[in-house]
C-alpha cells in the first residue's frame, strides 16, 4: 500500500459544501476520497495536455521552423475563417 501523507488544506465554503454533498450522497466514503479523485482527474488532464503538445503541437512547430513558407499570414487565416463560417448552414447559428 502507498504511504499516506496528511495535508491540511483551506477551501472556499462552496467547495467544502460540494465535497460534503458528494460524501453525503454516497459516491465517496470521505472528503479525502473526493480530493484524491479530483487530483487524479487533474493528473489525467495534465497528461492529456502534455501528450497533445508532444504529439501534435511540437511536430507542427518543427515543420514550421523547417519551412516557414508553409504558414499563413493573419489575412489569409481571417479569409479562410470567414469562408468556412459563410459555408456553414444557417440553422443552429446564434441569432439566425
Protein backbone atom coordinates (compact mmCIF):
# COMPACT_ATOMS: atom_id res chain seq x y z
CA UNK A 1 0.00 0.00 0.00
CA UNK A 2 1.20 3.51 -0.78
CA UNK A 3 2.40 5.69 2.04
CA UNK A 4 -0.26 8.16 3.12
CA UNK A 5 0.76 11.73 3.91
CA UNK A 6 -1.59 14.01 5.75
CA UNK A 7 -2.20 17.52 4.42
CA UNK A 8 -4.28 20.39 5.67
CA UNK A 9 -5.97 22.49 3.01
CA UNK A 10 -8.16 25.57 3.07
CA UNK A 11 -11.17 25.68 0.77
CA UNK A 12 -13.82 28.25 -0.04
CA UNK A 13 -17.17 27.43 1.61
CA UNK A 14 -18.82 26.41 -1.68
CA UNK A 15 -16.10 23.86 -2.44
CA UNK A 16 -16.23 22.46 1.11
CA UNK A 17 -20.03 22.12 0.78
CA UNK A 18 -19.62 20.38 -2.56
CA UNK A 19 -17.26 17.83 -1.04
CA UNK A 20 -19.68 17.26 1.85
CA UNK A 21 -22.57 16.79 -0.62
CA UNK A 22 -20.62 14.22 -2.63
CA UNK A 23 -19.86 12.25 0.51
CA UNK A 24 -23.45 12.56 1.79
CA UNK A 25 -24.82 11.21 -1.50
CA UNK A 26 -22.70 8.12 -1.01
CA UNK A 27 -20.49 8.49 -4.07
CA UNK A 28 -17.41 8.80 -1.89
CA UNK A 29 -16.60 7.44 1.55
CA UNK A 30 -14.75 10.54 2.76
CA UNK A 31 -13.58 14.03 1.88
CA UNK A 32 -10.11 12.58 1.33
CA UNK A 33 -11.51 10.22 -1.31
CA UNK A 34 -13.14 13.18 -3.11
CA UNK A 35 -9.89 15.13 -3.10
CA UNK A 36 -7.93 12.10 -4.36
CA UNK A 37 -10.42 11.65 -7.22
CA UNK A 38 -10.08 15.34 -8.10
CA UNK A 39 -6.30 15.11 -8.10
CA UNK A 40 -6.42 12.01 -10.32
CA UNK A 41 -8.63 13.89 -12.79
CA UNK A 42 -6.20 16.83 -12.75
CA UNK A 43 -3.28 14.47 -13.36
CA UNK A 44 -5.12 12.86 -16.29
CA UNK A 45 -5.91 16.28 -17.79
CA UNK A 46 -2.30 17.42 -17.42
CA UNK A 47 -1.07 14.19 -19.04
CA UNK A 48 -3.51 14.69 -21.95
CA UNK A 49 -2.25 18.24 -22.48
CA UNK A 50 1.35 17.03 -22.39
CA UNK A 51 0.54 14.29 -24.95
CA UNK A 52 -1.19 16.84 -27.22
CA UNK A 53 1.77 19.21 -27.02
CA UNK A 54 4.29 16.43 -27.67
CA UNK A 55 2.36 14.54 -30.39
CA UNK A 56 0.54 17.33 -32.23
CA UNK A 57 1.86 20.79 -31.43
CA UNK A 58 5.61 20.10 -31.39
CA UNK A 59 5.67 18.34 -34.79
CA UNK A 60 3.78 21.23 -36.40
CA UNK A 61 6.10 23.74 -34.76
CA UNK A 62 9.13 21.78 -36.01
CA UNK A 63 7.66 21.63 -39.53
CA UNK A 64 7.02 25.38 -39.49
CA UNK A 65 10.58 26.03 -38.33
CA UNK A 66 11.91 23.84 -41.15
CA UNK A 67 9.71 25.50 -43.80
CA UNK A 68 8.24 28.85 -42.67
CA UNK A 69 6.74 29.37 -46.13
CA UNK A 70 4.06 26.79 -45.44
CA UNK A 71 2.44 29.09 -42.88
CA UNK A 72 -0.39 31.54 -43.47
CA UNK A 73 -0.38 35.21 -42.56
CA UNK A 74 -3.14 36.75 -40.46
CA UNK A 75 -5.07 38.00 -43.50
CA UNK A 76 -5.08 34.53 -45.06
CA UNK A 77 -6.27 32.98 -41.81
CA UNK A 78 -9.03 35.58 -41.49
CA UNK A 79 -10.22 34.96 -45.07
CA UNK A 80 -10.19 31.19 -44.52
CA UNK A 81 -12.19 31.50 -41.29
CA UNK A 82 -14.75 33.84 -42.88
CA UNK A 83 -15.15 31.46 -45.83
CA UNK A 84 -15.52 28.49 -43.50
CA UNK A 85 -18.22 30.21 -41.44
CA UNK A 86 -20.01 31.53 -44.52
CA UNK A 87 -20.24 27.98 -45.89
CA UNK A 88 -21.86 26.62 -42.72
CA UNK A 89 -25.62 26.10 -42.76
CA UNK A 90 -27.52 28.95 -41.09
CA UNK A 91 -29.74 26.64 -38.98
CA UNK A 92 -28.42 26.48 -35.46
CA UNK A 93 -26.37 29.66 -35.69
CA UNK A 94 -26.85 32.12 -32.88
CA UNK A 95 -29.05 34.98 -33.89
CA UNK A 96 -30.16 33.22 -37.08
